[in-house]
Amino acid sequence: MPETPPKAVFEHQPGDLEASLNFLKRTHAELRTLRRVRLWQNRLQVFDVNGDYFELRGVGYPDAEIVPLLRMVYAAFDPQTIHEPTSDPYKELLTGRRHPWAEDRVM
């Protein structure tokens, strides 16, 4: 079965993280509930429950700018190990991560 084309594509420019974050913010509303993320060496794909997705090209798991992008789509990942290489073609992460209430408070 051939892969369907993405609903939207954006070319990430290194150093222009704000534009990529705005793209994710805008396109997030076009999809249903986010389900998973595929993270390649040079692109990020965000899928919803229906299998529709959008793609951010020019940034991947080796890049430092990937951490805020993954946080924008609520991906569950370890920021310390996300940059490590893998023998697989991509890393697949689930979305839906939430922070507990008062996480930032000192008890």
N, C-alpha and C. Protein backbone atom coordinates (compact mmCIF):
# COMPACT_ATOMS: atom_id res chain seq x y z
N MET A 1 0.84 -1.18 0.00
CA MET A 1 0.00 0.00 0.00
C MET A 1 0.88 1.25 0.00
N PRO A 2 0.72 2.12 -0.96
CA PRO A 2 1.57 3.32 -1.00
C PRO A 2 1.23 4.28 0.13
N GLU A 3 2.25 4.97 0.57
CA GLU A 3 2.08 5.95 1.65
C GLU A 3 1.35 7.16 1.11
N THR A 4 0.39 7.65 1.87
CA THR A 4 -0.35 8.84 1.46
C THR A 4 0.53 10.07 1.65
N PRO A 5 0.31 11.10 0.86
CA PRO A 5 1.13 12.32 1.04
C PRO A 5 0.72 13.04 2.31
N PRO A 6 1.63 13.82 2.88
CA PRO A 6 1.30 14.58 4.10
C PRO A 6 0.26 15.66 3.81
N LYS A 7 -0.49 16.02 4.85
CA LYS A 7 -1.48 17.11 4.74
C LYS A 7 -0.79 18.45 4.56
N ALA A 8 0.38 18.61 5.18
CA ALA A 8 1.15 19.85 5.08
C ALA A 8 2.62 19.53 5.26
N VAL A 9 3.48 20.31 4.61
CA VAL A 9 4.94 20.14 4.69
C VAL A 9 5.54 21.50 4.94
N PHE A 10 6.58 21.51 5.81
CA PHE A 10 7.29 22.75 6.10
C PHE A 10 8.78 22.46 6.10
N GLU A 11 9.56 23.33 5.49
CA GLU A 11 11.02 23.21 5.46
C GLU A 11 11.60 24.00 6.63
N HIS A 12 12.17 23.28 7.59
CA HIS A 12 12.80 23.90 8.75
C HIS A 12 14.13 24.52 8.35
N GLN A 13 14.36 25.74 8.79
CA GLN A 13 15.63 26.41 8.57
C GLN A 13 16.40 26.42 9.89
N PRO A 14 17.61 25.87 9.93
CA PRO A 14 18.38 25.87 11.19
C PRO A 14 18.49 27.28 11.76
N GLY A 15 18.22 27.40 13.04
CA GLY A 15 18.28 28.70 13.71
C GLY A 15 16.95 29.43 13.72
N ASP A 16 15.97 28.97 12.95
CA ASP A 16 14.66 29.62 12.91
C ASP A 16 13.62 28.70 13.55
N LEU A 17 13.82 28.41 14.80
CA LEU A 17 12.94 27.50 15.54
C LEU A 17 11.53 28.06 15.66
N GLU A 18 11.40 29.36 15.79
CA GLU A 18 10.08 29.98 15.98
C GLU A 18 9.14 29.70 14.80
N ALA A 19 9.65 29.73 13.58
CA ALA A 19 8.82 29.45 12.40
C ALA A 19 8.34 28.00 12.41
N SER A 20 9.20 27.08 12.81
CA SER A 20 8.81 25.67 12.87
C SER A 20 7.78 25.43 13.97
N LEU A 21 7.95 26.08 15.11
CA LEU A 21 6.98 25.96 16.19
C LEU A 21 5.62 26.52 15.77
N ASN A 22 5.62 27.63 15.03
CA ASN A 22 4.38 28.20 14.53
C ASN A 22 3.70 27.27 13.53
N PHE A 23 4.48 26.60 12.69
CA PHE A 23 3.93 25.61 11.75
C PHE A 23 3.23 24.49 12.52
N LEU A 24 3.90 23.96 13.54
CA LEU A 24 3.30 22.88 14.32
C LEU A 24 2.02 23.35 15.01
N LYS A 25 2.03 24.57 15.50
CA LYS A 25 0.86 25.13 16.18
C LYS A 25 -0.33 25.26 15.21
N ARG A 26 -0.05 25.76 14.01
CA ARG A 26 -1.11 25.95 13.01
C ARG A 26 -1.67 24.63 12.51
N THR A 27 -0.80 23.69 12.19
CA THR A 27 -1.25 22.44 11.59
C THR A 27 -1.86 21.49 12.61
N HIS A 28 -1.54 21.66 13.87
CA HIS A 28 -2.10 20.81 14.92
C HIS A 28 -3.63 20.85 14.88
N ALA A 29 -4.21 21.99 14.59
CA ALA A 29 -5.67 22.15 14.55
C ALA A 29 -6.29 21.43 13.34
N GLU A 30 -5.51 21.14 12.31
CA GLU A 30 -6.05 20.50 11.11
C GLU A 30 -6.19 18.99 11.27
N LEU A 31 -5.56 18.42 12.27
CA LEU A 31 -5.61 16.97 12.47
C LEU A 31 -6.54 16.63 13.63
N ARG A 32 -6.87 15.36 13.72
CA ARG A 32 -7.64 14.86 14.88
C ARG A 32 -6.66 14.70 16.04
N THR A 33 -7.02 13.93 17.04
CA THR A 33 -6.16 13.70 18.19
C THR A 33 -4.84 13.09 17.74
N LEU A 34 -3.72 13.68 18.16
CA LEU A 34 -2.41 13.18 17.75
C LEU A 34 -2.14 11.83 18.40
N ARG A 35 -1.53 10.92 17.62
CA ARG A 35 -1.30 9.57 18.11
C ARG A 35 0.18 9.23 18.24
N ARG A 36 0.99 9.57 17.21
CA ARG A 36 2.40 9.18 17.25
C ARG A 36 3.24 10.11 16.40
N VAL A 37 4.55 10.01 16.63
CA VAL A 37 5.54 10.80 15.90
C VAL A 37 6.57 9.85 15.34
N ARG A 38 6.92 10.03 14.09
CA ARG A 38 8.06 9.32 13.51
C ARG A 38 9.16 10.35 13.33
N LEU A 39 10.30 10.03 13.90
CA LEU A 39 11.43 10.95 13.92
C LEU A 39 12.58 10.34 13.14
N TRP A 40 12.87 10.89 11.99
CA TRP A 40 13.95 10.44 11.12
C TRP A 40 15.18 11.31 11.39
N GLN A 41 16.27 11.03 10.69
CA GLN A 41 17.47 11.87 10.84
C GLN A 41 17.27 13.25 10.26
N ASN A 42 16.36 13.38 9.30
CA ASN A 42 16.21 14.67 8.63
C ASN A 42 14.77 15.17 8.55
N ARG A 43 13.84 14.52 9.25
CA ARG A 43 12.46 14.99 9.22
C ARG A 43 11.67 14.46 10.40
N LEU A 44 10.55 15.13 10.65
CA LEU A 44 9.63 14.81 11.74
C LEU A 44 8.25 14.66 11.13
N GLN A 45 7.59 13.53 11.39
CA GLN A 45 6.24 13.30 10.92
C GLN A 45 5.33 13.13 12.14
N VAL A 46 4.19 13.85 12.14
CA VAL A 46 3.25 13.79 13.25
C VAL A 46 1.93 13.22 12.70
N PHE A 47 1.48 12.08 13.29
CA PHE A 47 0.30 11.36 12.83
C PHE A 47 -0.86 11.53 13.81
N ASP A 48 -2.08 11.54 13.26
CA ASP A 48 -3.26 11.56 14.11
C ASP A 48 -3.90 10.16 14.14
N VAL A 49 -5.03 10.02 14.80
CA VAL A 49 -5.68 8.72 14.96
C VAL A 49 -6.18 8.15 13.64
N ASN A 50 -6.40 8.98 12.64
CA ASN A 50 -6.88 8.52 11.33
C ASN A 50 -5.74 8.16 10.38
N GLY A 51 -4.50 8.38 10.79
CA GLY A 51 -3.36 8.12 9.91
C GLY A 51 -2.96 9.30 9.06
N ASP A 52 -3.70 10.42 9.17
CA ASP A 52 -3.29 11.64 8.48
C ASP A 52 -2.07 12.20 9.20
N TYR A 53 -1.22 12.90 8.47
CA TYR A 53 -0.01 13.43 9.10
C TYR A 53 0.48 14.68 8.40
N PHE A 54 1.34 15.40 9.10
CA PHE A 54 2.08 16.51 8.50
C PHE A 54 3.55 16.28 8.76
N GLU A 55 4.37 16.98 8.00
CA GLU A 55 5.81 16.70 8.01
C GLU A 55 6.61 17.99 8.12
N LEU A 56 7.63 17.92 8.94
CA LEU A 56 8.58 19.02 9.13
C LEU A 56 9.93 18.52 8.64
N ARG A 57 10.41 19.04 7.54
CA ARG A 57 11.66 18.57 6.92
C ARG A 57 12.83 19.47 7.32
N GLY A 58 14.02 18.87 7.35
CA GLY A 58 15.22 19.64 7.65
C GLY A 58 15.66 19.59 9.10
N VAL A 59 14.96 18.83 9.92
CA VAL A 59 15.33 18.66 11.33
C VAL A 59 15.01 17.22 11.72
N GLY A 60 15.91 16.61 12.51
CA GLY A 60 15.71 15.23 12.92
C GLY A 60 16.25 14.97 14.31
N TYR A 61 16.31 13.70 14.68
CA TYR A 61 16.73 13.39 16.05
C TYR A 61 18.16 13.78 16.39
N PRO A 62 19.11 13.90 15.44
CA PRO A 62 20.44 14.35 15.84
C PRO A 62 20.51 15.84 16.21
N ASP A 63 19.51 16.62 15.82
CA ASP A 63 19.55 18.07 16.01
C ASP A 63 19.06 18.49 17.40
N ALA A 64 19.69 19.50 17.96
CA ALA A 64 19.31 20.00 19.29
C ALA A 64 17.93 20.66 19.27
N GLU A 65 17.53 21.22 18.12
CA GLU A 65 16.26 21.92 18.02
C GLU A 65 15.05 20.98 18.04
N ILE A 66 15.28 19.67 18.03
CA ILE A 66 14.17 18.73 18.00
C ILE A 66 13.42 18.68 19.33
N VAL A 67 14.09 18.95 20.44
CA VAL A 67 13.46 18.82 21.76
C VAL A 67 12.26 19.75 21.91
N PRO A 68 12.36 21.06 21.64
CA PRO A 68 11.16 21.90 21.77
C PRO A 68 10.06 21.54 20.77
N LEU A 69 10.44 21.03 19.60
CA LEU A 69 9.44 20.62 18.62
C LEU A 69 8.65 19.41 19.11
N LEU A 70 9.35 18.46 19.71
CA LEU A 70 8.66 17.28 20.25
C LEU A 70 7.78 17.66 21.43
N ARG A 71 8.23 18.61 22.22
CA ARG A 71 7.40 19.07 23.35
C ARG A 71 6.14 19.76 22.85
N MET A 72 6.21 20.42 21.72
CA MET A 72 5.05 21.11 21.16
C MET A 72 3.93 20.13 20.79
N VAL A 73 4.29 18.92 20.39
CA VAL A 73 3.27 17.92 20.02
C VAL A 73 3.04 16.89 21.12
N TYR A 74 3.53 17.17 22.33
CA TYR A 74 3.33 16.34 23.51
C TYR A 74 3.86 14.92 23.33
N ALA A 75 5.02 14.78 22.70
CA ALA A 75 5.63 13.46 22.52
C ALA A 75 6.25 12.99 23.83
N ALA A 76 6.16 11.69 24.07
CA ALA A 76 6.77 11.08 25.26
C ALA A 76 8.18 10.63 24.89
N PHE A 77 9.19 11.30 25.43
CA PHE A 77 10.58 10.99 25.09
C PHE A 77 11.50 11.43 26.22
N ASP A 78 12.72 10.93 26.18
CA ASP A 78 13.75 11.32 27.14
C ASP A 78 14.68 12.31 26.44
N PRO A 79 14.71 13.57 26.86
CA PRO A 79 15.56 14.56 26.19
C PRO A 79 17.05 14.24 26.26
N GLN A 80 17.46 13.41 27.22
CA GLN A 80 18.87 13.05 27.34
C GLN A 80 19.31 12.04 26.29
N THR A 81 18.39 11.18 25.84
CA THR A 81 18.76 10.10 24.93
C THR A 81 18.16 10.23 23.54
N ILE A 82 17.36 11.24 23.28
CA ILE A 82 16.68 11.35 21.99
C ILE A 82 17.66 11.52 20.83
N HIS A 83 18.84 12.06 21.08
CA HIS A 83 19.80 12.34 20.01
C HIS A 83 20.67 11.13 19.66
N GLU A 84 20.56 10.04 20.41
CA GLU A 84 21.41 8.87 20.14
C GLU A 84 21.02 8.20 18.83
N PRO A 85 22.00 7.73 18.07
CA PRO A 85 21.70 7.08 16.78
C PRO A 85 20.98 5.75 16.99
N THR A 86 20.30 5.32 15.95
CA THR A 86 19.58 4.05 15.97
C THR A 86 19.84 3.30 14.67
N SER A 87 19.73 1.99 14.69
CA SER A 87 19.91 1.18 13.48
C SER A 87 18.62 1.13 12.66
N ASP A 88 17.50 1.54 13.25
CA ASP A 88 16.22 1.58 12.54
C ASP A 88 16.18 2.82 11.66
N PRO A 89 15.32 2.83 10.64
CA PRO A 89 15.24 4.02 9.79
C PRO A 89 14.69 5.25 10.51
N TYR A 90 13.87 5.04 11.56
CA TYR A 90 13.30 6.16 12.31
C TYR A 90 12.99 5.72 13.74
N LYS A 91 12.75 6.71 14.59
CA LYS A 91 12.31 6.46 15.96
C LYS A 91 10.82 6.78 16.01
N GLU A 92 10.05 5.93 16.66
CA GLU A 92 8.62 6.17 16.77
C GLU A 92 8.27 6.46 18.22
N LEU A 93 7.61 7.58 18.45
CA LEU A 93 7.25 8.03 19.79
C LEU A 93 5.74 8.22 19.88
N LEU A 94 5.17 7.91 21.01
CA LEU A 94 3.75 8.16 21.23
C LEU A 94 3.55 9.60 21.68
N THR A 95 2.38 10.14 21.41
CA THR A 95 2.06 11.50 21.85
C THR A 95 1.01 11.42 22.95
N GLY A 96 0.69 12.54 23.52
CA GLY A 96 -0.31 12.60 24.57
C GLY A 96 0.29 12.80 25.95
N ARG A 97 1.59 13.06 26.02
CA ARG A 97 2.24 13.27 27.31
C ARG A 97 1.69 14.53 27.96
N ARG A 98 1.40 14.43 29.24
CA ARG A 98 0.90 15.58 29.99
C ARG A 98 1.74 15.73 31.25
N HIS A 99 1.85 16.93 31.73
CA HIS A 99 2.60 17.20 32.96
C HIS A 99 1.61 17.25 34.13
N PRO A 100 1.96 16.66 35.25
CA PRO A 100 1.06 16.70 36.40
C PRO A 100 0.92 18.12 36.95
N TRP A 101 -0.21 18.34 37.59
CA TRP A 101 -0.46 19.64 38.18
C TRP A 101 0.61 19.95 39.21
N ALA A 102 1.10 21.16 39.25
CA ALA A 102 2.08 21.67 40.20
C ALA A 102 3.43 20.98 40.06
N GLU A 103 3.74 20.48 38.88
CA GLU A 103 5.03 19.82 38.64
C GLU A 103 6.21 20.76 38.93
N ASP A 104 6.03 22.02 38.63
CA ASP A 104 7.12 22.99 38.76
C ASP A 104 7.25 23.56 40.17
N ARG A 105 6.40 23.19 41.08
CA ARG A 105 6.46 23.71 42.44
C ARG A 105 7.35 22.83 43.31
N VAL A 106 7.99 23.47 44.23
CA VAL A 106 8.82 22.73 45.19
C VAL A 106 7.97 22.41 46.39
N MET A 107 7.92 21.16 46.75
CA MET A 107 7.09 20.75 47.90
C MET A 107 7.93 20.54 49.12
